[in-house]
Amino acid sequence: MTRPQSPPDPYARPQRPVPGDSHRSALVVALIGAAATIVAALIGLFVQLSGDTEQRASGPSLGAASPAPSAPASSVAPLSSVPPTTPAASQAAGGPAGTPAAAPPSTAPAPVGLPEQFLGRWQGYAEEVDATRTDHYRVTVELGQGTLRDQVGSVHYAMESSDCYGTVTLTEVAGTDQVTLGESIQSGDCVTNGRIILTLRPGDTVDFAYETIKRDGTRQSVKAGLERVA
């Protein structure tokens, strides 16, 4: 059997929802979420700043590769491309203390001297030919050590009419088997100046060839084969 419902109280105040309650709840929730987001952001920023501070205090991280700055055009060459400095190079450059570098050795050529094969006394009989006659007489040449333009020995012509003595100067060396001597007569009735060419031959002999211009303008030549006598 259904119980009869009581009639509504005509004097009772109707229950109405309070306006703005749902809006306030949503606002509170939104503020709480925003505050949480701000706090989380601040905590993250603090952690990041703390990490940066520690990294600056302890230097660059070994595991992180920092980009190398671009070198200017006038940068110093890397060590691998610079040759090592040796003691000789340091001395040539003046040394670490800036002392003067040693002077380079002289590169002047050695003076040309009379070859040893020509040293000694040479003697033989000469044949002199000129425009009017042919003479034969003994020639002696004695040579010692010396260089170009040095007086290296003496010459003697033993003729019937006169003995002529003079000195010889080394004027040219053609290898080891030929030399040229300048003759200067010091005594005797002979032309004062002349040229002698000595050419080395096998068996300790030399070819003697003399040339000059006589006082009358005629050409004079003397040839002889000389042997070493001392």
Protein backbone atom coordinates (compact mmCIF):
# COMPACT_ATOMS: atom_id res chain seq x y z
CA MET A 1 0.00 0.00 0.00
CA THR A 2 1.57 3.29 -0.99
CA ARG A 3 2.17 5.80 1.72
CA PRO A 4 0.69 9.08 0.93
CA GLN A 5 3.20 11.88 0.47
CA SER A 6 2.98 14.91 2.64
CA PRO A 7 1.96 17.99 0.86
CA PRO A 8 4.74 20.51 0.32
CA ASP A 9 5.17 23.23 2.82
CA PRO A 10 4.04 26.33 1.18
CA TYR A 11 6.12 28.40 3.56
CA ALA A 12 9.38 26.51 3.08
CA ARG A 13 12.30 28.40 1.20
CA PRO A 14 13.27 26.63 -1.97
CA GLN A 15 16.90 25.28 -2.12
CA ARG A 16 18.74 27.12 -4.87
CA PRO A 17 22.38 26.52 -5.87
CA VAL A 18 24.72 29.20 -4.68
CA PRO A 19 25.90 31.14 -7.70
CA GLY A 20 29.72 31.13 -8.34
CA ASP A 21 30.56 27.99 -6.28
CA SER A 22 31.61 25.95 -9.32
CA HIS A 23 33.56 28.91 -10.75
CA ARG A 24 35.46 29.42 -7.50
CA SER A 25 36.38 25.75 -7.34
CA ALA A 26 37.74 25.80 -10.91
CA LEU A 27 39.68 28.99 -10.18
CA VAL A 28 41.25 27.49 -7.06
CA VAL A 29 42.28 24.39 -8.98
CA ALA A 30 43.78 26.51 -11.77
CA LEU A 31 45.70 28.66 -9.26
CA ILE A 32 47.05 25.60 -7.51
CA GLY A 33 48.20 24.13 -10.86
CA ALA A 34 49.83 27.42 -11.88
CA ALA A 35 51.58 27.69 -8.51
CA ALA A 36 52.85 24.13 -8.86
CA THR A 37 54.14 24.90 -12.36
CA ILE A 38 55.92 28.06 -11.15
CA VAL A 39 57.48 26.19 -8.22
CA ALA A 40 58.66 23.41 -10.54
CA ALA A 41 60.12 25.97 -12.94
CA LEU A 42 61.91 27.76 -10.11
CA ILE A 43 63.31 24.47 -8.81
CA GLY A 44 64.55 23.57 -12.31
CA LEU A 45 66.13 26.99 -12.77
CA PHE A 46 67.85 26.71 -9.40
CA VAL A 47 69.21 23.30 -10.27
CA GLN A 48 70.46 24.55 -13.62
CA LEU A 49 72.13 27.59 -12.08
CA SER A 50 73.74 25.41 -9.43
CA GLY A 51 75.10 23.07 -12.13
CA ASP A 52 76.49 26.00 -14.17
CA THR A 53 78.19 27.40 -11.08
CA GLU A 54 79.84 24.06 -10.29
CA GLN A 55 80.92 23.61 -13.90
CA ARG A 56 82.54 27.07 -13.97
CA ALA A 57 84.29 26.38 -10.69
CA SER A 58 85.67 22.98 -11.78
CA GLY A 59 86.60 23.92 -15.38
CA PRO A 60 85.30 22.48 -18.65
CA SER A 61 83.88 19.01 -18.59
CA LEU A 62 86.21 16.29 -19.84
CA GLY A 63 83.42 14.46 -21.57
CA ALA A 64 82.04 17.46 -23.44
CA ALA A 65 83.80 18.67 -26.53
CA SER A 66 83.70 22.43 -26.70
CA PRO A 67 83.92 23.94 -30.16
CA ALA A 68 87.40 25.19 -30.98
CA PRO A 69 87.58 28.90 -31.71
CA SER A 70 88.50 29.77 -35.26
CA ALA A 71 92.15 30.70 -35.48
CA PRO A 72 93.04 34.04 -37.07
CA ALA A 73 95.10 34.14 -40.24
CA SER A 74 98.26 35.02 -38.27
CA SER A 75 97.93 32.21 -35.72
CA VAL A 76 101.03 30.26 -34.71
CA ALA A 77 101.62 27.04 -36.63
CA PRO A 78 100.83 23.84 -34.73
CA LEU A 79 103.70 22.15 -32.94
CA SER A 80 103.59 19.20 -35.33
CA SER A 81 104.52 21.47 -38.26
CA VAL A 82 107.42 23.24 -36.52
CA PRO A 83 110.76 21.42 -37.04
CA PRO A 84 112.55 20.47 -33.83
CA THR A 85 115.33 22.76 -32.76
CA THR A 86 118.70 21.05 -32.75
CA PRO A 87 121.78 22.34 -30.90
CA ALA A 88 123.48 23.11 -34.22
CA ALA A 89 120.46 25.07 -35.43
CA SER A 90 120.28 26.91 -32.10
CA GLN A 91 123.95 27.85 -32.35
CA ALA A 92 123.52 28.98 -35.97
CA ALA A 93 120.58 31.17 -34.95
CA GLY A 94 122.56 32.81 -32.17
CA GLY A 95 121.76 30.40 -29.33
CA PRO A 96 119.15 30.75 -26.61
CA ALA A 97 120.94 33.71 -25.11
CA GLY A 98 121.11 35.55 -28.42
CA THR A 99 124.87 35.11 -28.81
CA PRO A 100 126.26 35.87 -32.30
CA ALA A 101 126.11 32.97 -34.75
CA ALA A 102 129.38 31.35 -35.77
CA ALA A 103 130.74 32.54 -39.10
CA PRO A 104 130.34 30.01 -41.93
CA PRO A 105 133.51 28.29 -43.10
CA SER A 106 135.36 29.94 -45.94
CA THR A 107 134.45 28.59 -49.37
CA ALA A 108 137.39 30.16 -51.20
CA PRO A 109 139.00 27.67 -53.59
CA ALA A 110 142.39 26.29 -52.66
CA PRO A 111 145.29 27.89 -54.56
CA VAL A 112 146.49 25.98 -57.61
CA GLY A 113 150.02 24.74 -57.14
CA LEU A 114 152.72 23.16 -59.28
CA PRO A 115 151.95 19.41 -59.61
CA GLU A 116 154.41 17.20 -57.75
CA GLN A 117 155.25 15.34 -60.95
CA PHE A 118 157.19 18.40 -62.15
CA LEU A 119 159.27 18.92 -59.01
CA GLY A 120 163.01 18.39 -59.44
CA ARG A 121 165.80 19.12 -61.92
CA TRP A 122 165.30 18.49 -65.63
CA GLN A 123 168.05 18.55 -68.26
CA GLY A 124 168.47 17.93 -71.99
CA TYR A 125 169.68 19.31 -75.30
CA ALA A 126 167.64 21.89 -77.16
CA GLU A 127 167.32 22.83 -80.78
CA GLU A 128 166.75 26.50 -81.47
CA VAL A 129 165.30 27.50 -84.81
CA ASP A 130 165.01 31.05 -86.07
CA ALA A 131 164.98 32.75 -89.46
CA THR A 132 168.74 32.54 -90.08
CA ARG A 133 170.19 29.54 -88.21
CA THR A 134 169.69 26.51 -85.97
CA ASP A 135 171.59 26.16 -82.68
CA HIS A 136 171.95 23.27 -80.23
CA TYR A 137 172.78 23.72 -76.53
CA ARG A 138 172.04 22.27 -73.14
CA VAL A 139 168.96 23.37 -71.17
CA THR A 140 168.49 22.88 -67.42
CA VAL A 141 165.24 23.63 -65.60
CA GLU A 142 164.94 23.29 -61.84
CA LEU A 143 161.47 23.46 -60.24
CA GLY A 144 160.24 23.67 -56.65
CA GLN A 145 156.91 24.09 -54.92
CA GLY A 146 154.71 27.13 -55.48
CA THR A 147 151.31 28.36 -56.62
CA LEU A 148 150.13 30.51 -59.51
CA ARG A 149 152.13 33.74 -59.97
CA ASP A 150 154.86 32.40 -57.67
CA GLN A 151 158.47 32.07 -58.70
CA VAL A 152 158.91 28.30 -58.73
CA GLY A 153 162.40 27.75 -60.11
CA SER A 154 165.23 28.66 -62.47
CA VAL A 155 166.41 28.05 -66.03
CA HIS A 156 169.92 27.83 -67.52
CA TYR A 157 170.92 27.88 -71.19
CA ALA A 158 174.53 26.73 -71.72
CA MET A 159 175.40 28.14 -75.18
CA GLU A 160 178.77 28.55 -76.88
CA SER A 161 178.52 32.30 -77.07
CA SER A 162 176.92 32.96 -73.67
CA ASP A 163 175.42 31.31 -70.63
CA CYS A 164 171.97 32.65 -69.79
CA TYR A 165 170.43 32.33 -66.34
CA GLY A 166 166.90 33.27 -65.41
CA THR A 167 163.90 32.62 -63.15
CA VAL A 168 160.56 31.01 -64.00
CA THR A 169 157.12 31.89 -62.63
CA LEU A 170 154.10 29.56 -62.66
CA THR A 171 151.42 31.15 -64.87
CA GLU A 172 149.10 28.26 -65.76
CA VAL A 173 148.37 24.66 -64.74
CA ALA A 174 146.53 22.46 -67.26
CA GLY A 175 145.65 19.37 -65.23
CA THR A 176 148.51 17.30 -63.83
CA ASP A 177 150.57 16.84 -67.00
CA GLN A 178 151.13 20.35 -68.37
CA VAL A 179 152.27 23.68 -66.92
CA THR A 180 153.15 27.08 -68.38
CA LEU A 181 156.04 29.12 -67.02
CA GLY A 182 156.98 32.75 -67.56
CA GLU A 183 160.72 33.15 -68.11
CA SER A 184 162.73 36.19 -66.99
CA ILE A 185 166.44 36.18 -67.95
CA GLN A 186 168.65 37.71 -65.26
CA SER A 187 172.06 37.40 -66.93
CA GLY A 188 173.52 36.50 -70.34
CA ASP A 189 172.95 37.54 -73.94
CA CYS A 190 169.41 36.17 -74.32
CA VAL A 191 165.97 37.63 -74.90
CA THR A 192 164.72 38.89 -71.53
CA ASN A 193 161.22 37.42 -71.47
CA GLY A 194 159.68 34.30 -72.92
CA ARG A 195 157.16 31.51 -72.32
CA ILE A 196 157.94 27.87 -71.52
CA ILE A 197 155.43 25.02 -71.78
CA LEU A 198 156.35 21.74 -70.07
CA THR A 199 154.38 18.60 -70.93
CA LEU A 200 154.89 15.44 -68.88
CA ARG A 201 155.79 12.27 -70.80
CA PRO A 202 156.22 8.65 -69.68
CA GLY A 203 159.61 7.56 -68.34
CA ASP A 204 160.34 10.68 -66.23
CA THR A 205 160.69 12.98 -69.24
CA VAL A 206 159.07 16.26 -70.26
CA ASP A 207 158.70 18.08 -73.55
CA PHE A 208 160.21 21.58 -73.37
CA ALA A 209 158.74 24.22 -75.71
CA TYR A 210 159.94 27.84 -75.55
CA GLU A 211 158.63 30.81 -77.58
CA THR A 212 159.42 34.53 -77.65
CA ILE A 213 159.85 37.51 -79.96
CA LYS A 214 163.44 38.60 -80.48
CA ARG A 215 164.63 42.20 -80.41
CA ASP A 216 164.52 42.41 -84.21
CA GLY A 217 160.85 41.30 -84.17
CA THR A 218 161.45 37.77 -85.43
CA ARG A 219 159.93 34.76 -83.75
CA GLN A 220 162.18 32.44 -81.76
CA SER A 221 161.26 28.92 -80.69
CA VAL A 222 163.21 26.29 -78.78
CA LYS A 223 162.28 22.65 -78.38
CA ALA A 224 163.89 20.01 -76.19
CA GLY A 225 163.30 16.72 -74.50
CA LEU A 226 164.34 16.90 -70.84
CA GLU A 227 164.99 14.08 -68.40
CA ARG A 228 164.81 14.20 -64.63
CA VAL A 229 168.33 14.27 -63.22
CA ALA A 230 167.56 15.06 -59.57
